[in-house]
Amino acid sequence: VTAERAVLAEELAEAKLTAEGARMEQVAAEEQRQDELRKELSECLQREALGQALLQRLRQLRNDAETQRRHRDELLPTAPAKVDAACQSSVAEEKLASEPSDPSSQGQTVSGLE
């Protein structure tokens, strides 16, 4: 009976050591998994922050484009008149440049333009 008791006590001690080792391995595995999850969460938060920054930049660019479009639309109605005026001015300058530089004809040209 005592020998049997000693064997059982030894088996119990080995089982306790095995269980303790298994528990320590389980704790280490859980800690490693938690570290991996923390790292993954950090990466997700960084990607989210980058996404938010990109979204904000996109909104800013859209607003800038809309402002430029409105400004362009405001200027377009006056553009034909400005082009016409520039063309008329250019034609007048070409006429003046192409006319002879005879002093007697300059008086006629000036009076003809008036």
N, C-alpha and C. Protein backbone atom coordinates (compact mmCIF):
# COMPACT_ATOMS: atom_id res chain seq x y z
N VAL A 1 0.84 -1.18 0.00
CA VAL A 1 0.00 0.00 0.00
C VAL A 1 0.89 1.25 0.00
N THR A 2 1.93 1.28 0.80
CA THR A 2 2.80 2.45 0.85
C THR A 2 3.55 2.62 -0.47
N ALA A 3 3.96 1.57 -1.10
CA ALA A 3 4.66 1.68 -2.37
C ALA A 3 3.68 2.22 -3.42
N GLU A 4 2.47 1.71 -3.34
CA GLU A 4 1.45 2.19 -4.28
C GLU A 4 1.16 3.66 -4.04
N ARG A 5 1.15 4.03 -2.80
CA ARG A 5 0.91 5.42 -2.43
C ARG A 5 2.05 6.31 -2.93
N ALA A 6 3.25 5.86 -2.84
CA ALA A 6 4.42 6.63 -3.30
C ALA A 6 4.37 6.80 -4.81
N VAL A 7 3.97 5.75 -5.53
CA VAL A 7 3.87 5.81 -6.98
C VAL A 7 2.78 6.81 -7.37
N LEU A 8 1.65 6.74 -6.67
CA LEU A 8 0.55 7.67 -6.94
C LEU A 8 0.96 9.12 -6.64
N ALA A 9 1.69 9.32 -5.58
CA ALA A 9 2.15 10.67 -5.21
C ALA A 9 3.12 11.19 -6.27
N GLU A 10 3.97 10.30 -6.76
CA GLU A 10 4.93 10.70 -7.79
C GLU A 10 4.19 11.03 -9.09
N GLU A 11 3.21 10.23 -9.45
CA GLU A 11 2.42 10.49 -10.64
C GLU A 11 1.64 11.80 -10.51
N LEU A 12 1.13 12.04 -9.31
CA LEU A 12 0.41 13.28 -9.05
C LEU A 12 1.34 14.48 -9.20
N ALA A 13 2.54 14.39 -8.69
CA ALA A 13 3.51 15.48 -8.79
C ALA A 13 3.87 15.73 -10.26
N GLU A 14 4.06 14.65 -11.03
CA GLU A 14 4.36 14.80 -12.45
C GLU A 14 3.18 15.43 -13.19
N ALA A 15 1.99 15.03 -12.85
CA ALA A 15 0.80 15.60 -13.48
C ALA A 15 0.68 17.09 -13.17
N LYS A 16 0.99 17.45 -11.92
CA LYS A 16 0.95 18.87 -11.55
C LYS A 16 1.98 19.67 -12.34
N LEU A 17 3.19 19.12 -12.48
CA LEU A 17 4.23 19.80 -13.25
C LEU A 17 3.83 19.93 -14.73
N THR A 18 3.26 18.86 -15.25
CA THR A 18 2.82 18.88 -16.64
C THR A 18 1.71 19.93 -16.84
N ALA A 19 0.78 19.95 -15.91
CA ALA A 19 -0.32 20.91 -15.99
C ALA A 19 0.20 22.34 -15.87
N GLU A 20 1.14 22.55 -14.95
CA GLU A 20 1.73 23.88 -14.77
C GLU A 20 2.46 24.32 -16.04
N GLY A 21 3.21 23.39 -16.65
CA GLY A 21 3.92 23.68 -17.91
C GLY A 21 2.95 24.01 -19.03
N ALA A 22 1.88 23.22 -19.10
CA ALA A 22 0.87 23.46 -20.14
C ALA A 22 0.19 24.81 -19.92
N ARG A 23 -0.07 25.13 -18.66
CA ARG A 23 -0.70 26.42 -18.35
C ARG A 23 0.24 27.57 -18.71
N MET A 24 1.50 27.43 -18.43
CA MET A 24 2.48 28.48 -18.76
C MET A 24 2.57 28.65 -20.28
N GLU A 25 2.55 27.54 -21.02
CA GLU A 25 2.58 27.62 -22.48
C GLU A 25 1.32 28.32 -23.00
N GLN A 26 0.19 28.00 -22.37
CA GLN A 26 -1.07 28.62 -22.78
C GLN A 26 -1.04 30.12 -22.51
N VAL A 27 -0.51 30.52 -21.35
CA VAL A 27 -0.41 31.94 -21.01
C VAL A 27 0.51 32.65 -22.00
N ALA A 28 1.64 32.02 -22.32
CA ALA A 28 2.57 32.62 -23.28
C ALA A 28 1.92 32.77 -24.66
N ALA A 29 1.18 31.75 -25.07
CA ALA A 29 0.49 31.81 -26.37
C ALA A 29 -0.57 32.91 -26.36
N GLU A 30 -1.29 33.06 -25.25
CA GLU A 30 -2.30 34.11 -25.15
C GLU A 30 -1.66 35.49 -25.17
N GLU A 31 -0.54 35.63 -24.49
CA GLU A 31 0.16 36.93 -24.49
C GLU A 31 0.67 37.26 -25.89
N GLN A 32 1.18 36.26 -26.59
CA GLN A 32 1.65 36.48 -27.96
C GLN A 32 0.49 36.89 -28.87
N ARG A 33 -0.63 36.22 -28.70
CA ARG A 33 -1.82 36.55 -29.50
C ARG A 33 -2.29 37.98 -29.20
N GLN A 34 -2.26 38.37 -27.93
CA GLN A 34 -2.64 39.74 -27.56
C GLN A 34 -1.69 40.76 -28.19
N ASP A 35 -0.39 40.45 -28.20
CA ASP A 35 0.58 41.34 -28.85
C ASP A 35 0.28 41.48 -30.34
N GLU A 36 -0.03 40.35 -30.98
CA GLU A 36 -0.36 40.38 -32.40
C GLU A 36 -1.61 41.21 -32.65
N LEU A 37 -2.61 41.06 -31.78
CA LEU A 37 -3.85 41.83 -31.93
C LEU A 37 -3.61 43.32 -31.71
N ARG A 38 -2.75 43.66 -30.76
CA ARG A 38 -2.42 45.08 -30.53
C ARG A 38 -1.74 45.68 -31.76
N LYS A 39 -0.81 44.91 -32.32
CA LYS A 39 -0.10 45.37 -33.52
C LYS A 39 -1.09 45.54 -34.67
N GLU A 40 -1.97 44.58 -34.85
CA GLU A 40 -2.97 44.66 -35.92
C GLU A 40 -3.89 45.86 -35.71
N LEU A 41 -4.30 46.09 -34.47
CA LEU A 41 -5.16 47.24 -34.16
C LEU A 41 -4.43 48.55 -34.46
N SER A 42 -3.17 48.62 -34.09
CA SER A 42 -2.38 49.82 -34.35
C SER A 42 -2.29 50.09 -35.85
N GLU A 43 -2.05 49.04 -36.63
CA GLU A 43 -1.97 49.20 -38.08
C GLU A 43 -3.32 49.65 -38.65
N CYS A 44 -4.40 49.10 -38.13
CA CYS A 44 -5.74 49.51 -38.59
C CYS A 44 -6.00 50.98 -38.27
N LEU A 45 -5.62 51.40 -37.08
CA LEU A 45 -5.82 52.80 -36.69
C LEU A 45 -4.98 53.73 -37.56
N GLN A 46 -3.77 53.30 -37.90
CA GLN A 46 -2.93 54.12 -38.78
C GLN A 46 -3.56 54.23 -40.17
N ARG A 47 -4.06 53.10 -40.69
CA ARG A 47 -4.71 53.12 -42.01
C ARG A 47 -5.96 53.99 -41.96
N GLU A 48 -6.71 53.92 -40.87
CA GLU A 48 -7.91 54.74 -40.74
C GLU A 48 -7.53 56.22 -40.72
N ALA A 49 -6.49 56.57 -39.98
CA ALA A 49 -6.05 57.97 -39.92
C ALA A 49 -5.60 58.44 -41.30
N LEU A 50 -4.88 57.59 -42.03
CA LEU A 50 -4.45 57.95 -43.38
C LEU A 50 -5.66 58.11 -44.28
N GLY A 51 -6.62 57.21 -44.17
CA GLY A 51 -7.85 57.30 -44.95
C GLY A 51 -8.60 58.59 -44.67
N GLN A 52 -8.68 58.96 -43.41
CA GLN A 52 -9.36 60.21 -43.04
C GLN A 52 -8.63 61.42 -43.62
N ALA A 53 -7.29 61.39 -43.56
CA ALA A 53 -6.51 62.49 -44.10
C ALA A 53 -6.71 62.59 -45.61
N LEU A 54 -6.72 61.45 -46.29
CA LEU A 54 -6.94 61.45 -47.73
C LEU A 54 -8.34 61.93 -48.08
N LEU A 55 -9.31 61.52 -47.31
CA LEU A 55 -10.69 61.96 -47.54
C LEU A 55 -10.81 63.47 -47.35
N GLN A 56 -10.17 64.00 -46.33
CA GLN A 56 -10.19 65.44 -46.09
C GLN A 56 -9.52 66.18 -47.25
N ARG A 57 -8.41 65.64 -47.74
CA ARG A 57 -7.70 66.27 -48.86
C ARG A 57 -8.57 66.23 -50.12
N LEU A 58 -9.26 65.11 -50.34
CA LEU A 58 -10.15 65.00 -51.49
C LEU A 58 -11.26 66.03 -51.41
N ARG A 59 -11.84 66.20 -50.23
CA ARG A 59 -12.89 67.21 -50.07
C ARG A 59 -12.36 68.61 -50.36
N GLN A 60 -11.14 68.88 -49.88
CA GLN A 60 -10.52 70.18 -50.10
C GLN A 60 -10.30 70.41 -51.60
N LEU A 61 -9.82 69.39 -52.30
CA LEU A 61 -9.60 69.52 -53.74
C LEU A 61 -10.91 69.72 -54.48
N ARG A 62 -11.95 69.02 -54.07
CA ARG A 62 -13.26 69.20 -54.69
C ARG A 62 -13.77 70.63 -54.48
N ASN A 63 -13.60 71.14 -53.26
CA ASN A 63 -14.03 72.52 -52.98
C ASN A 63 -13.25 73.51 -53.83
N ASP A 64 -11.94 73.28 -53.95
CA ASP A 64 -11.11 74.16 -54.78
C ASP A 64 -11.56 74.12 -56.23
N ALA A 65 -11.84 72.91 -56.73
CA ALA A 65 -12.28 72.76 -58.11
C ALA A 65 -13.63 73.46 -58.32
N GLU A 66 -14.52 73.33 -57.37
CA GLU A 66 -15.83 73.99 -57.48
C GLU A 66 -15.67 75.51 -57.47
N THR A 67 -14.80 76.01 -56.62
CA THR A 67 -14.55 77.45 -56.56
C THR A 67 -13.98 77.93 -57.90
N GLN A 68 -13.03 77.19 -58.45
CA GLN A 68 -12.45 77.56 -59.74
C GLN A 68 -13.50 77.51 -60.85
N ARG A 69 -14.37 76.49 -60.81
CA ARG A 69 -15.42 76.38 -61.83
C ARG A 69 -16.36 77.58 -61.76
N ARG A 70 -16.75 77.95 -60.52
CA ARG A 70 -17.65 79.10 -60.37
C ARG A 70 -16.97 80.37 -60.86
N HIS A 71 -15.70 80.53 -60.53
CA HIS A 71 -14.96 81.72 -60.95
C HIS A 71 -14.87 81.75 -62.48
N ARG A 72 -14.59 80.59 -63.08
CA ARG A 72 -14.51 80.51 -64.54
C ARG A 72 -15.87 80.84 -65.15
N ASP A 73 -16.93 80.32 -64.58
CA ASP A 73 -18.28 80.58 -65.10
C ASP A 73 -18.64 82.06 -64.99
N GLU A 74 -18.12 82.72 -63.95
CA GLU A 74 -18.38 84.15 -63.81
C GLU A 74 -17.62 84.95 -64.86
N LEU A 75 -16.43 84.47 -65.24
CA LEU A 75 -15.61 85.20 -66.20
C LEU A 75 -16.01 84.92 -67.65
N LEU A 76 -16.56 83.76 -67.92
CA LEU A 76 -16.87 83.39 -69.31
C LEU A 76 -17.82 84.37 -70.01
N PRO A 77 -18.87 84.84 -69.37
CA PRO A 77 -19.77 85.77 -70.09
C PRO A 77 -19.07 87.03 -70.58
N THR A 78 -18.05 87.49 -69.90
CA THR A 78 -17.36 88.72 -70.31
C THR A 78 -16.22 88.44 -71.27
N ALA A 79 -15.84 87.19 -71.43
CA ALA A 79 -14.69 86.85 -72.28
C ALA A 79 -14.90 87.24 -73.74
N PRO A 80 -16.04 86.96 -74.38
CA PRO A 80 -16.19 87.34 -75.80
C PRO A 80 -16.02 88.84 -76.03
N ALA A 81 -16.54 89.65 -75.14
CA ALA A 81 -16.41 91.11 -75.31
C ALA A 81 -14.94 91.52 -75.19
N LYS A 82 -14.23 90.91 -74.26
CA LYS A 82 -12.81 91.24 -74.10
C LYS A 82 -12.02 90.79 -75.32
N VAL A 83 -12.35 89.64 -75.88
CA VAL A 83 -11.66 89.15 -77.07
C VAL A 83 -11.93 90.07 -78.25
N ASP A 84 -13.19 90.48 -78.40
CA ASP A 84 -13.54 91.40 -79.48
C ASP A 84 -12.76 92.72 -79.35
N ALA A 85 -12.71 93.24 -78.15
CA ALA A 85 -11.99 94.50 -77.94
C ALA A 85 -10.51 94.33 -78.25
N ALA A 86 -9.94 93.23 -77.85
CA ALA A 86 -8.52 92.99 -78.12
C ALA A 86 -8.28 92.85 -79.62
N CYS A 87 -9.19 92.17 -80.32
CA CYS A 87 -9.04 92.01 -81.77
C CYS A 87 -9.14 93.36 -82.48
N GLN A 88 -10.10 94.18 -82.08
CA GLN A 88 -10.26 95.50 -82.70
C GLN A 88 -9.03 96.36 -82.47
N SER A 89 -8.49 96.27 -81.26
CA SER A 89 -7.29 97.04 -80.94
C SER A 89 -6.12 96.56 -81.78
N SER A 90 -6.02 95.26 -81.96
CA SER A 90 -4.94 94.68 -82.74
C SER A 90 -5.06 95.08 -84.21
N VAL A 91 -6.28 95.05 -84.73
CA VAL A 91 -6.51 95.45 -86.12
C VAL A 91 -6.14 96.91 -86.31
N ALA A 92 -6.51 97.77 -85.38
CA ALA A 92 -6.20 99.19 -85.47
C ALA A 92 -4.69 99.41 -85.44
N GLU A 93 -4.00 98.65 -84.59
CA GLU A 93 -2.54 98.79 -84.52
C GLU A 93 -1.89 98.32 -85.82
N GLU A 94 -2.42 97.27 -86.40
CA GLU A 94 -1.86 96.76 -87.67
C GLU A 94 -2.08 97.78 -88.78
N LYS A 95 -3.24 98.42 -88.79
CA LYS A 95 -3.51 99.44 -89.81
C LYS A 95 -2.53 100.59 -89.68
N LEU A 96 -2.32 101.02 -88.44
CA LEU A 96 -1.38 102.12 -88.22
C LEU A 96 0.02 101.73 -88.63
N ALA A 97 0.40 100.50 -88.35
CA ALA A 97 1.75 100.05 -88.66
C ALA A 97 1.94 99.86 -90.16
N SER A 98 0.89 99.51 -90.87
CA SER A 98 1.02 99.24 -92.31
C SER A 98 0.93 100.50 -93.17
N GLU A 99 0.45 101.59 -92.62
CA GLU A 99 0.33 102.82 -93.40
C GLU A 99 1.69 103.49 -93.53
N PRO A 100 1.88 104.20 -94.65
CA PRO A 100 3.19 104.85 -94.87
C PRO A 100 3.46 105.92 -93.82
N SER A 101 4.73 106.17 -93.62
CA SER A 101 5.11 107.13 -92.58
C SER A 101 5.32 108.52 -93.17
N ASP A 102 4.69 108.82 -94.24
CA ASP A 102 4.75 110.14 -94.87
C ASP A 102 4.05 111.14 -93.96
N PRO A 103 4.74 112.21 -93.57
CA PRO A 103 4.13 113.18 -92.64
C PRO A 103 2.84 113.77 -93.17
N SER A 104 2.71 113.96 -94.44
CA SER A 104 1.49 114.53 -94.98
C SER A 104 0.33 113.54 -94.90
N SER A 105 0.64 112.23 -95.03
CA SER A 105 -0.43 111.24 -94.97
C SER A 105 -0.82 110.90 -93.53
N GLN A 106 0.06 111.23 -92.57
CA GLN A 106 -0.27 110.94 -91.17
C GLN A 106 -1.46 111.77 -90.72
N GLY A 107 -1.54 112.96 -91.13
CA GLY A 107 -2.67 113.81 -90.78
C GLY A 107 -3.95 113.24 -91.33
N GLN A 108 -3.88 112.71 -92.54
CA GLN A 108 -5.06 112.11 -93.15
C GLN A 108 -5.45 110.85 -92.40
N THR A 109 -4.44 110.06 -91.99
CA THR A 109 -4.73 108.81 -91.29
C THR A 109 -5.37 109.09 -89.96
N VAL A 110 -4.81 110.05 -89.23
CA VAL A 110 -5.36 110.39 -87.93
C VAL A 110 -6.78 110.90 -88.08
N SER A 111 -7.00 111.77 -89.07
CA SER A 111 -8.34 112.31 -89.25
C SER A 111 -9.28 111.22 -89.75
N GLY A 112 -8.74 110.27 -90.54
CA GLY A 112 -9.57 109.19 -91.03
C GLY A 112 -9.98 108.24 -89.91
N LEU A 113 -9.16 108.10 -88.90
CA LEU A 113 -9.49 107.21 -87.79
C LEU A 113 -10.46 107.86 -86.82
N GLU A 114 -10.46 109.18 -86.80
CA GLU A 114 -11.34 109.87 -85.86
C GLU A 114 -12.69 109.84 -86.39
